[in-house]
């Protein structure tokens, strides 16, 4: 099968998936229209302060995990450079499709000495790890949403993929001999498993930040903590599969649908929108920090060149 044909089929599958999700959400919204217009919050804004460290420091876990992913293939980037490159490239994820994100990551990484093939492959690996960890945390959904055997299968399957990832990457390296940067004998297990752990910690920490946002808007109990973490991870997982920029709409719809039975449709939809706004605000903070680092980097390079 030609590469162009595979791309068209993959795009068609993603479009079909997005349309299917949109249809299910539209049907659910039409059945709960009256509930969607009712929002009954019990505000406790102090919880937002408790959530700030989780979301803020969660924003640096992905760049550091990506740094270890590169380290697994023998490429060492200083932490500041890894954060700068990752955050600046991540801003392009709001452009439809993944082409802009990959191109931006490859371009910025190559300026720091990262092989282009590795930089591009790292975006794919990163997306895969986030999806797999999302499946693991989605297994925390209560049995009323998914049957126990399915949740157990999701959790065990996710852990199996994470443990066996070195073997999968070695196989991929053998199938891509034209890219020496991905050679199977270059993989450093310690760096790879550190990257895996950081990606999982990111999923958990960022989702925990949303728990505090929910607590600031509505009274919750311990069971809701697991529900929110699972709903956020499943929403992010399905949002990555869809074609909308940064999963816009898909992520919010999935989260709202999963939380509706517990908090009612109006509150659940408001939660989903609040989660996106909260996350986006901190993403802008990290982009601003990355731009500041970029400016310092350029000034330092200019000073060095003129002395």
Protein backbone atom coordinates (compact mmCIF):
# COMPACT_ATOMS: atom_id res chain seq x y z
CA UNK A 1 0.00 0.00 0.00
CA UNK A 2 1.39 3.39 -1.01
CA UNK A 3 2.26 5.98 1.64
CA UNK A 4 -0.28 8.47 0.22
CA UNK A 5 -3.02 5.83 0.42
CA UNK A 6 -2.15 5.01 4.03
CA UNK A 7 -2.28 8.67 4.95
CA UNK A 8 -5.69 9.10 3.34
CA UNK A 9 -7.03 6.02 5.11
CA UNK A 10 -5.62 7.20 8.45
CA UNK A 11 -7.11 10.65 7.96
CA UNK A 12 -10.45 9.12 6.98
CA UNK A 13 -10.40 6.96 10.12
CA UNK A 14 -9.70 9.98 12.32
CA UNK A 15 -12.43 12.01 10.61
CA UNK A 16 -14.86 9.12 11.02
CA UNK A 17 -13.93 8.76 14.67
CA UNK A 18 -14.41 12.49 15.29
CA UNK A 19 -17.78 12.49 13.52
CA UNK A 20 -18.88 9.46 15.54
CA UNK A 21 -17.88 11.08 18.83
CA UNK A 22 -19.58 14.34 17.80
CA UNK A 23 -22.75 12.46 16.91
CA UNK A 24 -22.87 10.62 20.24
CA UNK A 25 -22.25 13.86 22.14
CA UNK A 26 -24.86 15.75 20.13
CA UNK A 27 -27.42 13.04 20.84
CA UNK A 28 -26.60 13.08 24.54
CA UNK A 29 -26.79 16.89 24.60
CA UNK A 30 -30.19 16.90 22.88
CA UNK A 31 -31.54 14.48 25.46
CA UNK A 32 -30.16 16.55 28.35
CA UNK A 33 -30.72 20.06 26.97
CA UNK A 34 -32.68 21.27 29.96
CA UNK A 35 -30.02 19.96 32.33
CA UNK A 36 -27.25 21.61 30.30
CA UNK A 37 -28.77 25.01 30.97
CA UNK A 38 -28.74 24.43 34.72
CA UNK A 39 -25.47 25.12 36.49
CA UNK A 40 -25.44 24.87 40.26
CA UNK A 41 -22.00 25.57 41.66
CA UNK A 42 -20.96 25.62 45.32
CA UNK A 43 -17.90 27.84 45.07
CA UNK A 44 -14.79 27.39 47.24
CA UNK A 45 -12.12 29.41 45.36
CA UNK A 46 -9.40 28.59 47.92
CA UNK A 47 -9.11 25.14 46.33
CA UNK A 48 -7.70 26.81 43.22
CA UNK A 49 -4.59 27.84 45.16
CA UNK A 50 -4.03 24.22 46.14
CA UNK A 51 -4.30 23.22 42.48
CA UNK A 52 -1.74 25.75 41.20
CA UNK A 53 1.40 23.70 42.06
CA UNK A 54 -0.02 20.58 40.42
CA UNK A 55 -0.82 22.27 37.12
CA UNK A 56 2.22 24.56 37.08
CA UNK A 57 4.82 21.90 37.83
CA UNK A 58 2.89 19.41 35.73
CA UNK A 59 3.72 21.70 32.82
CA UNK A 60 7.42 20.90 33.09
CA UNK A 61 7.05 17.12 33.37
CA UNK A 62 6.37 16.59 29.67
CA UNK A 63 9.46 18.51 28.49
CA UNK A 64 11.62 16.62 30.99
CA UNK A 65 10.08 13.31 29.93
CA UNK A 66 10.82 14.19 26.29
CA UNK A 67 14.42 15.02 27.30
CA UNK A 68 14.81 11.52 28.78
CA UNK A 69 13.26 10.05 25.65
CA UNK A 70 16.02 11.66 23.60
CA UNK A 71 18.54 10.50 26.21
CA UNK A 72 17.34 6.94 25.66
CA UNK A 73 18.84 7.26 22.16
CA UNK A 74 22.08 8.87 23.35
CA UNK A 75 21.15 12.52 22.76
CA UNK A 76 21.66 14.69 25.82
CA UNK A 77 19.93 18.09 25.99
CA UNK A 78 20.30 20.50 28.93
CA UNK A 79 17.06 20.84 30.87
CA UNK A 80 16.53 24.49 29.99
CA UNK A 81 16.98 23.81 26.26
CA UNK A 82 14.63 20.82 26.38
CA UNK A 83 11.91 22.87 28.10
CA UNK A 84 12.40 25.77 25.68
CA UNK A 85 12.23 23.59 22.56
CA UNK A 86 9.30 21.51 23.79
CA UNK A 87 7.16 24.45 24.93
CA UNK A 88 7.76 26.53 21.82
CA UNK A 89 6.96 23.62 19.51
CA UNK A 90 3.91 22.69 21.56
CA UNK A 91 2.27 26.02 20.74
CA UNK A 92 1.67 24.73 17.20
CA UNK A 93 -0.59 21.91 18.41
CA UNK A 94 -3.62 24.18 18.02
CA UNK A 95 -3.12 24.06 14.25
CA UNK A 96 -5.32 21.25 12.81
CA UNK A 97 -3.44 18.00 12.27
CA UNK A 98 -0.07 17.03 13.67
CA UNK A 99 2.12 18.24 10.79
CA UNK A 100 2.83 21.66 12.31
CA UNK A 101 3.69 20.17 15.70
CA UNK A 102 6.09 17.61 14.22
CA UNK A 103 7.69 20.15 11.89
CA UNK A 104 8.15 22.66 14.69
CA UNK A 105 9.65 20.07 17.05
CA UNK A 106 11.99 18.80 14.33
CA UNK A 107 13.12 22.29 13.31
CA UNK A 108 13.78 23.54 16.84
CA UNK A 109 15.39 20.27 17.94
CA UNK A 110 17.71 20.09 14.96
CA UNK A 111 19.14 23.49 15.90
CA UNK A 112 20.21 21.90 19.19
CA UNK A 113 21.89 18.95 17.49
CA UNK A 114 19.04 16.42 17.69
CA UNK A 115 18.84 14.21 14.57
CA UNK A 116 15.72 15.03 12.59
CA UNK A 117 14.60 11.41 12.44
CA UNK A 118 14.81 11.10 16.22
CA UNK A 119 13.04 14.42 16.80
CA UNK A 120 10.15 13.38 14.55
CA UNK A 121 9.96 9.89 16.03
CA UNK A 122 9.98 11.34 19.55
CA UNK A 123 6.70 13.14 18.86
CA UNK A 124 5.10 9.84 17.87
CA UNK A 125 6.56 8.04 20.89
CA UNK A 126 5.40 10.83 23.17
CA UNK A 127 1.85 10.70 21.84
CA UNK A 128 1.80 6.93 22.21
CA UNK A 129 3.01 7.06 25.82
CA UNK A 130 0.43 9.69 26.75
CA UNK A 131 -2.30 7.57 25.18
CA UNK A 132 -1.16 4.38 26.93
CA UNK A 133 -0.95 6.09 30.32
CA UNK A 134 -4.33 7.66 29.60
CA UNK A 135 -5.74 4.18 29.13
CA UNK A 136 -4.25 3.08 32.44
CA UNK A 137 -5.79 5.96 34.38
CA UNK A 138 -9.07 5.64 32.47
CA UNK A 139 -9.32 2.19 34.07
CA UNK A 140 -9.99 4.05 37.33
CA UNK A 141 -13.53 4.80 36.12
CA UNK A 142 -16.18 3.30 38.40
CA UNK A 143 -17.83 0.05 37.39
CA UNK A 144 -21.05 1.93 36.63
CA UNK A 145 -19.29 3.46 33.58
CA UNK A 146 -17.28 0.43 32.39
CA UNK A 147 -17.48 -3.21 33.45
CA UNK A 148 -14.76 -4.48 35.75
CA UNK A 149 -13.18 -6.96 33.30
CA UNK A 150 -12.79 -4.23 30.68
CA UNK A 151 -11.18 -1.87 33.18
CA UNK A 152 -8.82 -4.61 34.32
CA UNK A 153 -7.91 -5.38 30.72
CA UNK A 154 -7.19 -1.68 30.07
CA UNK A 155 -4.94 -1.37 33.12
CA UNK A 156 -3.02 -4.61 32.59
CA UNK A 157 -2.71 -4.02 28.85
CA UNK A 158 -1.35 -0.50 29.39
CA UNK A 159 1.22 -1.69 31.93
CA UNK A 160 2.22 -4.52 29.63
CA UNK A 161 2.90 -2.09 26.78
CA UNK A 162 4.91 0.20 29.07
CA UNK A 163 7.05 -2.62 30.42
CA UNK A 164 7.61 -4.09 26.96
CA UNK A 165 8.30 -0.76 25.25
CA UNK A 166 12.05 -1.35 24.84
CA UNK A 167 11.37 -4.48 22.80
CA UNK A 168 8.83 -2.62 20.65
CA UNK A 169 11.27 0.23 19.99
CA UNK A 170 14.08 -2.18 19.14
CA UNK A 171 11.78 -3.88 16.63
CA UNK A 172 10.87 -0.50 15.13
CA UNK A 173 14.57 0.38 14.89
CA UNK A 174 15.28 -2.83 12.96
CA UNK A 175 12.42 -2.05 10.56
CA UNK A 176 13.82 1.45 9.90
CA UNK A 177 17.48 0.81 9.03
CA UNK A 178 17.69 4.08 7.08
CA UNK A 179 17.49 6.03 10.34
CA UNK A 180 20.64 5.29 12.34
CA UNK A 181 19.50 7.62 15.13
CA UNK A 182 16.79 5.02 15.92
CA UNK A 183 19.13 2.03 15.89
CA UNK A 184 17.99 -0.60 18.40
CA UNK A 185 21.44 -1.02 19.94
CA UNK A 186 21.53 2.65 21.00
CA UNK A 187 18.61 2.43 23.45
CA UNK A 188 19.50 3.21 27.07
CA UNK A 189 17.01 1.46 29.31
CA UNK A 190 17.44 3.73 32.33
CA UNK A 191 16.62 6.88 30.35
CA UNK A 192 13.73 5.16 28.60
CA UNK A 193 12.07 3.97 31.80
CA UNK A 194 12.65 7.37 33.40
CA UNK A 195 10.84 8.91 30.44
CA UNK A 196 7.99 6.40 30.83
CA UNK A 197 7.69 7.22 34.52
CA UNK A 198 7.66 10.98 33.91
CA UNK A 199 4.97 10.68 31.26
CA UNK A 200 2.82 8.73 33.71
CA UNK A 201 3.49 11.21 36.49
CA UNK A 202 2.46 14.00 34.12
CA UNK A 203 -0.88 12.34 33.41
CA UNK A 204 -1.54 11.91 37.12
CA UNK A 205 -0.34 15.32 38.33
CA UNK A 206 -2.14 17.36 35.69
CA UNK A 207 -5.35 15.42 36.23
CA UNK A 208 -4.99 15.99 39.98
CA UNK A 209 -4.87 19.71 39.28
CA UNK A 210 -8.31 19.42 37.69
CA UNK A 211 -9.57 17.73 40.85
CA UNK A 212 -8.82 20.95 42.75
CA UNK A 213 -10.56 23.01 40.06
CA UNK A 214 -13.63 20.81 40.46
CA UNK A 215 -13.44 21.17 44.25
CA UNK A 216 -13.38 24.95 43.82
CA UNK A 217 -16.63 24.79 41.87
CA UNK A 218 -18.56 22.00 43.59
CA UNK A 219 -18.44 19.80 46.66
CA UNK A 220 -16.68 16.50 45.90
CA UNK A 221 -15.75 13.39 47.86
CA UNK A 222 -12.94 10.83 47.65
CA UNK A 223 -14.70 8.72 45.02
CA UNK A 224 -14.96 11.78 42.78
CA UNK A 225 -11.17 12.13 42.80
CA UNK A 226 -10.80 8.81 40.96
CA UNK A 227 -13.71 9.64 38.64
CA UNK A 228 -12.27 13.03 37.63
CA UNK A 229 -8.74 11.71 37.09
CA UNK A 230 -10.09 8.87 34.95
CA UNK A 231 -12.47 11.13 32.99
CA UNK A 232 -9.76 13.69 32.25
CA UNK A 233 -7.36 11.02 31.02
CA UNK A 234 -9.94 9.32 28.83
CA UNK A 235 -10.98 12.68 27.42
CA UNK A 236 -7.38 13.55 26.58
CA UNK A 237 -6.83 10.10 25.06
CA UNK A 238 -9.83 10.33 22.74
CA UNK A 239 -9.05 13.96 21.98
CA UNK A 240 -5.64 12.93 20.64
CA UNK A 241 -7.24 10.42 18.29
CA UNK A 242 -9.66 12.99 16.84
CA UNK A 243 -8.73 15.60 14.23
CA UNK A 244 -9.64 18.77 16.11
CA UNK A 245 -6.75 21.04 17.19
CA UNK A 246 -5.53 19.98 20.66
CA UNK A 247 -8.64 17.79 20.98
CA UNK A 248 -10.92 20.83 21.26
CA UNK A 249 -14.52 19.76 21.72
CA UNK A 250 -13.81 16.04 21.84
CA UNK A 251 -11.98 16.19 25.17
CA UNK A 252 -14.58 18.46 26.73
CA UNK A 253 -17.46 16.36 25.45
CA UNK A 254 -16.02 13.11 26.80
CA UNK A 255 -15.30 14.65 30.21
CA UNK A 256 -18.76 16.18 30.43
CA UNK A 257 -20.39 12.91 29.43
CA UNK A 258 -18.50 10.92 32.05
CA UNK A 259 -19.14 13.42 34.86
CA UNK A 260 -22.80 14.13 34.02
CA UNK A 261 -24.26 11.24 36.02
CA UNK A 262 -22.49 12.42 39.18
CA UNK A 263 -22.70 16.22 38.84
CA UNK A 264 -25.59 16.69 36.35
CA UNK A 265 -25.11 17.72 32.73
CA UNK A 266 -24.87 21.47 33.23
CA UNK A 267 -22.26 21.26 35.97
CA UNK A 268 -20.31 18.58 34.10
CA UNK A 269 -20.16 20.68 30.93
CA UNK A 270 -19.04 23.70 32.95
CA UNK A 271 -16.35 21.56 34.61
CA UNK A 272 -15.01 20.51 31.20
CA UNK A 273 -14.82 24.11 29.98
CA UNK A 274 -13.20 25.24 33.24
CA UNK A 275 -10.61 22.45 32.97
CA UNK A 276 -9.65 23.57 29.45
CA UNK A 277 -9.40 27.24 30.50
CA UNK A 278 -7.30 26.37 33.57
CA UNK A 279 -4.96 24.16 31.58
CA UNK A 280 -4.60 26.68 28.76
CA UNK A 281 -3.75 29.50 31.18
CA UNK A 282 -0.79 27.56 32.58
CA UNK A 283 0.26 26.46 29.11
CA UNK A 284 0.54 30.14 28.19
CA UNK A 285 2.68 30.68 31.29
CA UNK A 286 5.12 27.98 30.20
CA UNK A 287 5.19 29.31 26.64
CA UNK A 288 6.05 32.74 28.06
CA UNK A 289 8.84 31.18 30.14
CA UNK A 290 10.12 29.36 27.05
CA UNK A 291 10.10 32.59 25.02
CA UNK A 292 12.05 34.31 27.79
CA UNK A 293 14.60 31.49 27.72
CA UNK A 294 14.72 31.76 23.93
CA UNK A 295 15.44 35.48 24.15
CA UNK A 296 18.20 34.91 26.73
CA UNK A 297 19.64 32.15 24.57
CA UNK A 298 19.78 34.40 21.50
CA UNK A 299 21.27 37.31 23.43
CA UNK A 300 23.93 35.03 24.92
CA UNK A 301 24.76 33.62 21.48
CA UNK A 302 24.97 37.13 20.03
CA UNK A 303 27.21 38.30 22.86
CA UNK A 304 29.50 35.30 22.39
CA UNK A 305 29.73 35.91 18.65
CA UNK A 306 30.69 39.57 19.05
CA UNK A 307 33.39 39.02 21.69
